[in-house]
Amino acid sequence: MRRKDVQKNNRIFLSIAIAIAMILDGYFVFFKQSNNSTKSVSVTSSTSSNSSSGNNASVKKQKYKNGTYLGQSSQTSWGPVQIKIKIIRGNIKQITVLKFPDTHGHSIDINRQVLPIYKKETLKNQSSSIQQVSGATETWKGFTASLQSALNQAR
């Protein structure tokens, strides 16, 4: 084979290898994550406490005032994020994402993956102190800022 043919074949092989790597990377980033459902826009958690146990450690103090609170819209590099929360019996029970970056296909895909995770973490921690998901820093910043704004109103 001539040298030019070998170089051409090497370029084709390298291009195919890169394309396969990109496809696999996209698959693992967007589809091969935990089995969290991303179908619902609003996450509601119903928790019950058994106060008849007599154990004071199991009885939580009411952290927030009951009601529905709208967080300020928080501007990120990719667009605004705005959260609405519902407080029942002093606890965060429902989180609704009213605005999120949705002008780029990549942003939409990322937000479909991470927003349910951020909601679940918020319901678990009952605060805006939640773990950031790698690759979704801007959404995390906007989510936590708007959430904290709503929580400040609920105090």
N, C-alpha and C. Protein backbone atom coordinates (compact mmCIF):
# COMPACT_ATOMS: atom_id res chain seq x y z
N MET A 1 0.84 -1.18 0.00
CA MET A 1 0.00 0.00 0.00
C MET A 1 0.88 1.24 0.00
N ARG A 2 0.34 2.25 -0.58
CA ARG A 2 1.08 3.50 -0.59
C ARG A 2 0.88 4.22 0.74
N ARG A 3 1.80 5.10 1.00
CA ARG A 3 1.80 5.82 2.26
C ARG A 3 0.51 6.65 2.43
N LYS A 4 0.03 7.27 1.37
CA LYS A 4 -1.18 8.08 1.44
C LYS A 4 -2.40 7.22 1.76
N ASP A 5 -2.44 6.01 1.21
CA ASP A 5 -3.55 5.11 1.49
C ASP A 5 -3.54 4.69 2.96
N VAL A 6 -2.37 4.43 3.50
CA VAL A 6 -2.25 4.04 4.91
C VAL A 6 -2.72 5.19 5.81
N GLN A 7 -2.30 6.40 5.50
CA GLN A 7 -2.71 7.57 6.29
C GLN A 7 -4.23 7.78 6.20
N LYS A 8 -4.78 7.59 5.01
CA LYS A 8 -6.22 7.75 4.83
C LYS A 8 -6.97 6.71 5.65
N ASN A 9 -6.50 5.46 5.62
CA ASN A 9 -7.14 4.40 6.39
C ASN A 9 -7.03 4.68 7.89
N ASN A 10 -5.88 5.19 8.32
CA ASN A 10 -5.71 5.53 9.73
C ASN A 10 -6.68 6.62 10.17
N ARG A 11 -6.87 7.63 9.32
CA ARG A 11 -7.81 8.71 9.64
C ARG A 11 -9.24 8.18 9.73
N ILE A 12 -9.60 7.33 8.81
CA ILE A 12 -10.96 6.76 8.83
C ILE A 12 -11.16 5.94 10.09
N PHE A 13 -10.19 5.09 10.41
CA PHE A 13 -10.28 4.27 11.61
C PHE A 13 -10.37 5.14 12.86
N LEU A 14 -9.55 6.17 12.95
CA LEU A 14 -9.55 7.06 14.10
C LEU A 14 -10.88 7.81 14.20
N SER A 15 -11.43 8.25 13.08
CA SER A 15 -12.72 8.95 13.08
C SER A 15 -13.83 8.03 13.57
N ILE A 16 -13.82 6.80 13.13
CA ILE A 16 -14.84 5.83 13.57
C ILE A 16 -14.69 5.55 15.06
N ALA A 17 -13.46 5.38 15.53
CA ALA A 17 -13.22 5.12 16.95
C ALA A 17 -13.70 6.29 17.81
N ILE A 18 -13.45 7.51 17.37
CA ILE A 18 -13.90 8.69 18.12
C ILE A 18 -15.42 8.76 18.13
N ALA A 19 -16.05 8.49 17.00
CA ALA A 19 -17.51 8.52 16.92
C ALA A 19 -18.12 7.49 17.87
N ILE A 20 -17.56 6.30 17.90
CA ILE A 20 -18.06 5.25 18.80
C ILE A 20 -17.89 5.68 20.25
N ALA A 21 -16.73 6.25 20.58
CA ALA A 21 -16.48 6.71 21.95
C ALA A 21 -17.48 7.79 22.35
N MET A 22 -17.79 8.70 21.44
CA MET A 22 -18.75 9.77 21.74
C MET A 22 -20.15 9.21 21.95
N ILE A 23 -20.53 8.25 21.15
CA ILE A 23 -21.85 7.63 21.29
C ILE A 23 -21.95 6.91 22.63
N LEU A 24 -20.93 6.14 22.98
CA LEU A 24 -20.92 5.44 24.26
C LEU A 24 -20.94 6.42 25.43
N ASP A 25 -20.17 7.49 25.33
CA ASP A 25 -20.15 8.49 26.38
C ASP A 25 -21.54 9.11 26.56
N GLY A 26 -22.19 9.45 25.47
CA GLY A 26 -23.54 9.99 25.54
C GLY A 26 -24.51 9.02 26.17
N TYR A 27 -24.38 7.76 25.83
CA TYR A 27 -25.25 6.74 26.41
C TYR A 27 -25.06 6.67 27.92
N PHE A 28 -23.81 6.61 28.36
CA PHE A 28 -23.54 6.48 29.79
C PHE A 28 -23.94 7.74 30.56
N VAL A 29 -23.81 8.90 29.96
CA VAL A 29 -24.16 10.15 30.65
C VAL A 29 -25.67 10.30 30.77
N PHE A 30 -26.41 10.02 29.69
CA PHE A 30 -27.83 10.33 29.69
C PHE A 30 -28.76 9.16 29.94
N PHE A 31 -28.34 7.95 29.67
CA PHE A 31 -29.26 6.84 29.77
C PHE A 31 -28.88 5.80 30.81
N LYS A 32 -27.65 5.66 31.13
CA LYS A 32 -27.19 4.62 32.04
C LYS A 32 -26.94 5.23 33.42
N GLN A 33 -28.00 5.80 34.01
CA GLN A 33 -27.88 6.38 35.34
C GLN A 33 -28.75 5.56 36.26
N SER A 34 -28.89 6.04 37.50
CA SER A 34 -29.71 5.31 38.45
C SER A 34 -31.14 5.24 37.94
N ASN A 35 -31.93 4.38 38.53
CA ASN A 35 -33.28 4.13 38.07
C ASN A 35 -34.28 5.16 38.58
N ASN A 36 -33.89 6.42 38.61
CA ASN A 36 -34.81 7.48 39.02
C ASN A 36 -35.79 7.75 37.89
N SER A 37 -37.04 7.91 38.23
CA SER A 37 -38.04 8.23 37.23
C SER A 37 -37.97 9.71 36.90
N THR A 38 -37.97 10.02 35.60
CA THR A 38 -37.92 11.42 35.20
C THR A 38 -39.22 11.84 34.53
N LYS A 39 -40.28 11.09 34.70
CA LYS A 39 -41.52 11.39 34.01
C LYS A 39 -42.32 12.49 34.68
N SER A 40 -42.27 12.61 35.99
CA SER A 40 -43.11 13.59 36.65
C SER A 40 -42.40 14.92 36.79
N VAL A 41 -43.18 15.98 36.68
CA VAL A 41 -42.62 17.32 36.82
C VAL A 41 -42.56 17.70 38.29
N SER A 42 -43.48 17.18 39.06
CA SER A 42 -43.55 17.53 40.47
C SER A 42 -43.33 16.29 41.30
N VAL A 43 -42.49 16.40 42.31
CA VAL A 43 -42.21 15.28 43.19
C VAL A 43 -42.91 15.56 44.51
N THR A 44 -43.71 14.63 44.95
CA THR A 44 -44.39 14.78 46.21
C THR A 44 -43.98 13.65 47.12
N SER A 45 -43.69 14.00 48.34
CA SER A 45 -43.30 12.99 49.31
C SER A 45 -44.29 13.04 50.45
N SER A 46 -44.80 11.90 50.81
CA SER A 46 -45.67 11.89 51.98
C SER A 46 -44.97 11.09 53.06
N THR A 47 -44.74 11.76 54.17
CA THR A 47 -44.07 11.09 55.27
C THR A 47 -45.01 11.10 56.45
N SER A 48 -44.94 10.08 57.24
CA SER A 48 -45.75 10.05 58.44
C SER A 48 -44.84 9.84 59.63
N SER A 49 -45.21 10.45 60.72
CA SER A 49 -44.41 10.26 61.93
C SER A 49 -45.30 9.64 62.99
N ASN A 50 -44.74 8.74 63.71
CA ASN A 50 -45.46 8.07 64.77
C ASN A 50 -45.05 8.72 66.08
N SER A 51 -45.91 9.62 66.58
CA SER A 51 -45.57 10.36 67.78
C SER A 51 -45.92 9.59 69.04
N SER A 52 -46.55 8.43 68.93
CA SER A 52 -46.93 7.68 70.11
C SER A 52 -45.79 6.82 70.63
N SER A 53 -44.63 6.88 69.99
CA SER A 53 -43.52 6.04 70.43
C SER A 53 -42.92 6.54 71.72
N GLY A 54 -43.13 7.81 72.07
CA GLY A 54 -42.60 8.33 73.31
C GLY A 54 -41.14 8.71 73.21
N ASN A 55 -40.53 8.52 72.08
CA ASN A 55 -39.12 8.85 71.89
C ASN A 55 -39.03 10.27 71.36
N ASN A 56 -38.50 11.18 72.17
CA ASN A 56 -38.40 12.58 71.76
C ASN A 56 -37.46 12.77 70.59
N ALA A 57 -36.52 11.88 70.38
CA ALA A 57 -35.59 12.02 69.27
C ALA A 57 -36.30 11.84 67.93
N SER A 58 -37.40 11.09 67.92
CA SER A 58 -38.09 10.85 66.66
C SER A 58 -39.06 11.98 66.31
N VAL A 59 -39.35 12.86 67.25
CA VAL A 59 -40.27 13.97 66.99
C VAL A 59 -39.45 15.15 66.49
N LYS A 60 -39.79 15.62 65.28
CA LYS A 60 -39.05 16.72 64.68
C LYS A 60 -39.71 18.05 65.02
N LYS A 61 -38.89 19.06 65.23
CA LYS A 61 -39.40 20.41 65.39
C LYS A 61 -39.86 20.91 64.03
N GLN A 62 -40.87 21.73 64.04
CA GLN A 62 -41.34 22.32 62.78
C GLN A 62 -40.29 23.31 62.31
N LYS A 63 -39.74 23.06 61.12
CA LYS A 63 -38.69 23.91 60.59
C LYS A 63 -39.23 25.10 59.83
N TYR A 64 -40.32 24.93 59.11
CA TYR A 64 -40.82 25.97 58.21
C TYR A 64 -42.30 26.22 58.46
N LYS A 65 -42.77 27.42 58.06
CA LYS A 65 -44.19 27.76 58.17
C LYS A 65 -44.93 27.09 57.01
N ASN A 66 -46.10 26.56 57.31
CA ASN A 66 -46.92 25.91 56.29
C ASN A 66 -47.32 26.91 55.21
N GLY A 67 -47.40 26.43 53.98
CA GLY A 67 -47.81 27.28 52.88
C GLY A 67 -47.08 26.93 51.60
N THR A 68 -47.37 27.70 50.57
CA THR A 68 -46.71 27.54 49.28
C THR A 68 -45.85 28.77 49.05
N TYR A 69 -44.60 28.55 48.67
CA TYR A 69 -43.64 29.64 48.53
C TYR A 69 -42.98 29.59 47.16
N LEU A 70 -42.89 30.76 46.55
CA LEU A 70 -42.29 30.90 45.23
C LEU A 70 -40.89 31.47 45.39
N GLY A 71 -39.89 30.70 44.95
CA GLY A 71 -38.52 31.18 45.00
C GLY A 71 -38.27 32.18 43.90
N GLN A 72 -37.28 33.04 44.12
CA GLN A 72 -36.92 34.00 43.08
C GLN A 72 -36.34 33.25 41.89
N SER A 73 -36.57 33.78 40.71
CA SER A 73 -35.98 33.21 39.51
C SER A 73 -34.48 33.48 39.56
N SER A 74 -33.69 32.44 39.40
CA SER A 74 -32.23 32.55 39.47
C SER A 74 -31.65 32.37 38.07
N GLN A 75 -30.95 33.39 37.60
CA GLN A 75 -30.37 33.35 36.26
C GLN A 75 -29.07 32.55 36.26
N THR A 76 -28.95 31.58 35.35
CA THR A 76 -27.72 30.81 35.18
C THR A 76 -27.16 31.12 33.79
N SER A 77 -26.01 30.57 33.51
CA SER A 77 -25.40 30.77 32.19
C SER A 77 -26.27 30.24 31.06
N TRP A 78 -27.11 29.25 31.35
CA TRP A 78 -27.93 28.62 30.31
C TRP A 78 -29.38 29.05 30.34
N GLY A 79 -29.77 29.82 31.37
CA GLY A 79 -31.15 30.27 31.46
C GLY A 79 -31.62 30.31 32.90
N PRO A 80 -32.84 30.79 33.13
CA PRO A 80 -33.35 30.93 34.50
C PRO A 80 -33.84 29.61 35.09
N VAL A 81 -33.77 29.54 36.43
CA VAL A 81 -34.33 28.42 37.19
C VAL A 81 -35.21 29.03 38.27
N GLN A 82 -36.44 28.51 38.40
CA GLN A 82 -37.34 28.99 39.44
C GLN A 82 -38.08 27.81 40.05
N ILE A 83 -38.17 27.82 41.37
CA ILE A 83 -38.74 26.72 42.14
C ILE A 83 -39.94 27.22 42.94
N LYS A 84 -40.94 26.36 43.09
CA LYS A 84 -42.06 26.61 44.00
C LYS A 84 -42.11 25.42 44.95
N ILE A 85 -42.25 25.70 46.25
CA ILE A 85 -42.30 24.62 47.23
C ILE A 85 -43.60 24.70 48.03
N LYS A 86 -43.99 23.55 48.54
CA LYS A 86 -45.16 23.48 49.41
C LYS A 86 -44.70 22.89 50.73
N ILE A 87 -45.00 23.60 51.81
CA ILE A 87 -44.63 23.17 53.16
C ILE A 87 -45.90 22.70 53.87
N ILE A 88 -45.85 21.49 54.38
CA ILE A 88 -46.96 20.92 55.15
C ILE A 88 -46.38 20.40 56.46
N ARG A 89 -47.01 20.79 57.57
CA ARG A 89 -46.55 20.39 58.90
C ARG A 89 -45.06 20.68 59.10
N GLY A 90 -44.62 21.81 58.57
CA GLY A 90 -43.25 22.26 58.79
C GLY A 90 -42.20 21.62 57.91
N ASN A 91 -42.61 20.74 57.01
CA ASN A 91 -41.65 20.05 56.16
C ASN A 91 -41.93 20.31 54.68
N ILE A 92 -40.87 20.29 53.89
CA ILE A 92 -41.01 20.41 52.44
C ILE A 92 -41.68 19.14 51.94
N LYS A 93 -42.83 19.29 51.30
CA LYS A 93 -43.57 18.12 50.82
C LYS A 93 -43.66 18.06 49.30
N GLN A 94 -43.55 19.22 48.65
CA GLN A 94 -43.68 19.23 47.19
C GLN A 94 -42.77 20.30 46.62
N ILE A 95 -42.13 19.96 45.50
CA ILE A 95 -41.25 20.89 44.80
C ILE A 95 -41.68 20.89 43.34
N THR A 96 -41.92 22.08 42.82
CA THR A 96 -42.28 22.22 41.41
C THR A 96 -41.25 23.13 40.76
N VAL A 97 -40.69 22.67 39.66
CA VAL A 97 -39.75 23.49 38.91
C VAL A 97 -40.55 24.25 37.86
N LEU A 98 -40.62 25.55 38.02
CA LEU A 98 -41.41 26.39 37.12
C LEU A 98 -40.62 26.80 35.89
N LYS A 99 -39.34 27.08 36.08
CA LYS A 99 -38.47 27.47 34.97
C LYS A 99 -37.17 26.70 35.09
N PHE A 100 -36.65 26.29 33.94
CA PHE A 100 -35.32 25.70 33.88
C PHE A 100 -34.78 25.88 32.47
N PRO A 101 -33.46 25.85 32.31
CA PRO A 101 -32.88 26.05 30.98
C PRO A 101 -33.41 25.00 30.00
N ASP A 102 -34.11 25.47 28.97
CA ASP A 102 -34.71 24.54 28.01
C ASP A 102 -34.59 25.02 26.57
N THR A 103 -33.55 25.81 26.29
CA THR A 103 -33.39 26.32 24.93
C THR A 103 -32.40 25.52 24.10
N HIS A 104 -31.59 24.71 24.73
CA HIS A 104 -30.62 23.87 24.02
C HIS A 104 -30.94 22.40 24.30
N GLY A 105 -30.80 21.57 23.29
CA GLY A 105 -31.09 20.15 23.45
C GLY A 105 -30.29 19.52 24.57
N HIS A 106 -29.03 19.91 24.69
CA HIS A 106 -28.16 19.35 25.73
C HIS A 106 -28.68 19.74 27.12
N SER A 107 -29.10 21.00 27.29
CA SER A 107 -29.63 21.46 28.57
C SER A 107 -30.90 20.70 28.93
N ILE A 108 -31.75 20.49 27.96
CA ILE A 108 -33.00 19.77 28.21
C ILE A 108 -32.70 18.35 28.68
N ASP A 109 -31.78 17.68 28.00
CA ASP A 109 -31.42 16.31 28.37
C ASP A 109 -30.84 16.25 29.78
N ILE A 110 -29.94 17.17 30.09
CA ILE A 110 -29.33 17.19 31.42
C ILE A 110 -30.39 17.43 32.48
N ASN A 111 -31.25 18.43 32.26
CA ASN A 111 -32.25 18.77 33.26
C ASN A 111 -33.28 17.67 33.47
N ARG A 112 -33.60 16.92 32.44
CA ARG A 112 -34.50 15.77 32.61
C ARG A 112 -33.88 14.73 33.54
N GLN A 113 -32.57 14.64 33.53
CA GLN A 113 -31.88 13.68 34.38
C GLN A 113 -31.72 14.20 35.82
N VAL A 114 -31.29 15.46 35.97
CA VAL A 114 -30.87 15.93 37.29
C VAL A 114 -31.97 16.56 38.13
N LEU A 115 -32.97 17.17 37.53
CA LEU A 115 -33.99 17.83 38.34
C LEU A 115 -34.72 16.86 39.28
N PRO A 116 -35.09 15.65 38.84
CA PRO A 116 -35.69 14.71 39.79
C PRO A 116 -34.73 14.32 40.92
N ILE A 117 -33.44 14.26 40.62
CA ILE A 117 -32.44 13.94 41.65
C ILE A 117 -32.37 15.08 42.66
N TYR A 118 -32.32 16.32 42.17
CA TYR A 118 -32.26 17.48 43.07
C TYR A 118 -33.52 17.57 43.93
N LYS A 119 -34.68 17.27 43.36
CA LYS A 119 -35.92 17.29 44.14
C LYS A 119 -35.88 16.23 45.24
N LYS A 120 -35.47 15.03 44.87
CA LYS A 120 -35.41 13.93 45.84
C LYS A 120 -34.45 14.26 46.98
N GLU A 121 -33.29 14.82 46.65
CA GLU A 121 -32.31 15.21 47.68
C GLU A 121 -32.89 16.29 48.59
N THR A 122 -33.62 17.24 48.02
CA THR A 122 -34.22 18.31 48.82
C THR A 122 -35.24 17.74 49.78
N LEU A 123 -36.09 16.84 49.31
CA LEU A 123 -37.10 16.23 50.18
C LEU A 123 -36.44 15.42 51.28
N LYS A 124 -35.35 14.77 50.96
CA LYS A 124 -34.63 13.96 51.95
C LYS A 124 -33.95 14.84 52.99
N ASN A 125 -33.26 15.89 52.54
CA ASN A 125 -32.48 16.74 53.45
C ASN A 125 -33.30 17.86 54.09
N GLN A 126 -34.46 18.16 53.52
CA GLN A 126 -35.31 19.24 54.00
C GLN A 126 -34.56 20.58 54.05
N SER A 127 -33.70 20.78 53.06
CA SER A 127 -32.94 22.04 52.96
C SER A 127 -32.40 22.18 51.54
N SER A 128 -31.71 23.28 51.31
CA SER A 128 -31.09 23.49 50.00
C SER A 128 -29.68 22.93 49.95
N SER A 129 -29.26 22.26 51.01
CA SER A 129 -27.94 21.62 51.03
C SER A 129 -28.05 20.26 50.36
N ILE A 130 -27.86 20.26 49.04
CA ILE A 130 -27.98 19.03 48.26
C ILE A 130 -26.72 18.81 47.45
N GLN A 131 -26.48 17.57 47.09
CA GLN A 131 -25.30 17.21 46.30
C GLN A 131 -25.46 17.71 44.87
N GLN A 132 -24.37 18.20 44.34
CA GLN A 132 -24.33 18.64 42.94
C GLN A 132 -24.06 17.43 42.06
N VAL A 133 -24.74 17.34 40.93
CA VAL A 133 -24.52 16.28 39.96
C VAL A 133 -23.50 16.79 38.94
N SER A 134 -22.48 16.00 38.71
CA SER A 134 -21.44 16.38 37.76
C SER A 134 -22.05 16.63 36.38
N GLY A 135 -21.68 17.74 35.78
CA GLY A 135 -22.19 18.09 34.46
C GLY A 135 -23.42 18.97 34.50
N ALA A 136 -23.94 19.23 35.69
CA ALA A 136 -25.15 20.04 35.82
C ALA A 136 -24.95 21.15 36.85
N THR A 137 -23.78 21.73 36.85
CA THR A 137 -23.44 22.75 37.84
C THR A 137 -24.35 23.96 37.76
N GLU A 138 -24.61 24.45 36.57
CA GLU A 138 -25.43 25.65 36.42
C GLU A 138 -26.86 25.40 36.90
N THR A 139 -27.41 24.25 36.58
CA THR A 139 -28.76 23.93 37.05
C THR A 139 -28.77 23.83 38.57
N TRP A 140 -27.74 23.22 39.14
CA TRP A 140 -27.62 23.10 40.60
C TRP A 140 -27.58 24.48 41.24
N LYS A 141 -26.77 25.38 40.68
CA LYS A 141 -26.67 26.74 41.23
C LYS A 141 -28.03 27.44 41.21
N GLY A 142 -28.72 27.36 40.08
CA GLY A 142 -30.02 28.00 39.96
C GLY A 142 -31.07 27.35 40.85
N PHE A 143 -31.06 26.02 40.90
CA PHE A 143 -32.03 25.27 41.71
C PHE A 143 -31.86 25.63 43.18
N THR A 144 -30.63 25.56 43.68
CA THR A 144 -30.40 25.82 45.11
C THR A 144 -30.65 27.28 45.47
N ALA A 145 -30.32 28.21 44.56
CA ALA A 145 -30.56 29.63 44.85
C ALA A 145 -32.05 29.92 44.94
N SER A 146 -32.83 29.42 43.98
CA SER A 146 -34.27 29.65 44.00
C SER A 146 -34.91 28.92 45.19
N LEU A 147 -34.45 27.71 45.46
CA LEU A 147 -34.96 26.95 46.60
C LEU A 147 -34.69 27.68 47.90
N GLN A 148 -33.48 28.18 48.08
CA GLN A 148 -33.14 28.89 49.31
C GLN A 148 -33.98 30.15 49.46
N SER A 149 -34.26 30.82 48.35
CA SER A 149 -35.13 32.00 48.38
C SER A 149 -36.52 31.62 48.91
N ALA A 150 -37.06 30.51 48.43
CA ALA A 150 -38.37 30.06 48.90
C ALA A 150 -38.32 29.65 50.37
N LEU A 151 -37.26 28.95 50.76
CA LEU A 151 -37.13 28.52 52.16
C LEU A 151 -36.98 29.71 53.10
N ASN A 152 -36.29 30.75 52.66
CA ASN A 152 -36.16 31.95 53.49
C ASN A 152 -37.52 32.58 53.78
N GLN A 153 -38.41 32.53 52.81
CA GLN A 153 -39.77 33.05 53.00
C GLN A 153 -40.55 32.19 53.99
N ALA A 154 -40.24 30.91 54.03
CA ALA A 154 -40.99 29.96 54.86
C ALA A 154 -40.52 29.94 56.31
N ARG A 155 -39.50 30.69 56.64
CA ARG A 155 -39.00 30.69 58.03
C ARG A 155 -39.76 31.65 58.89
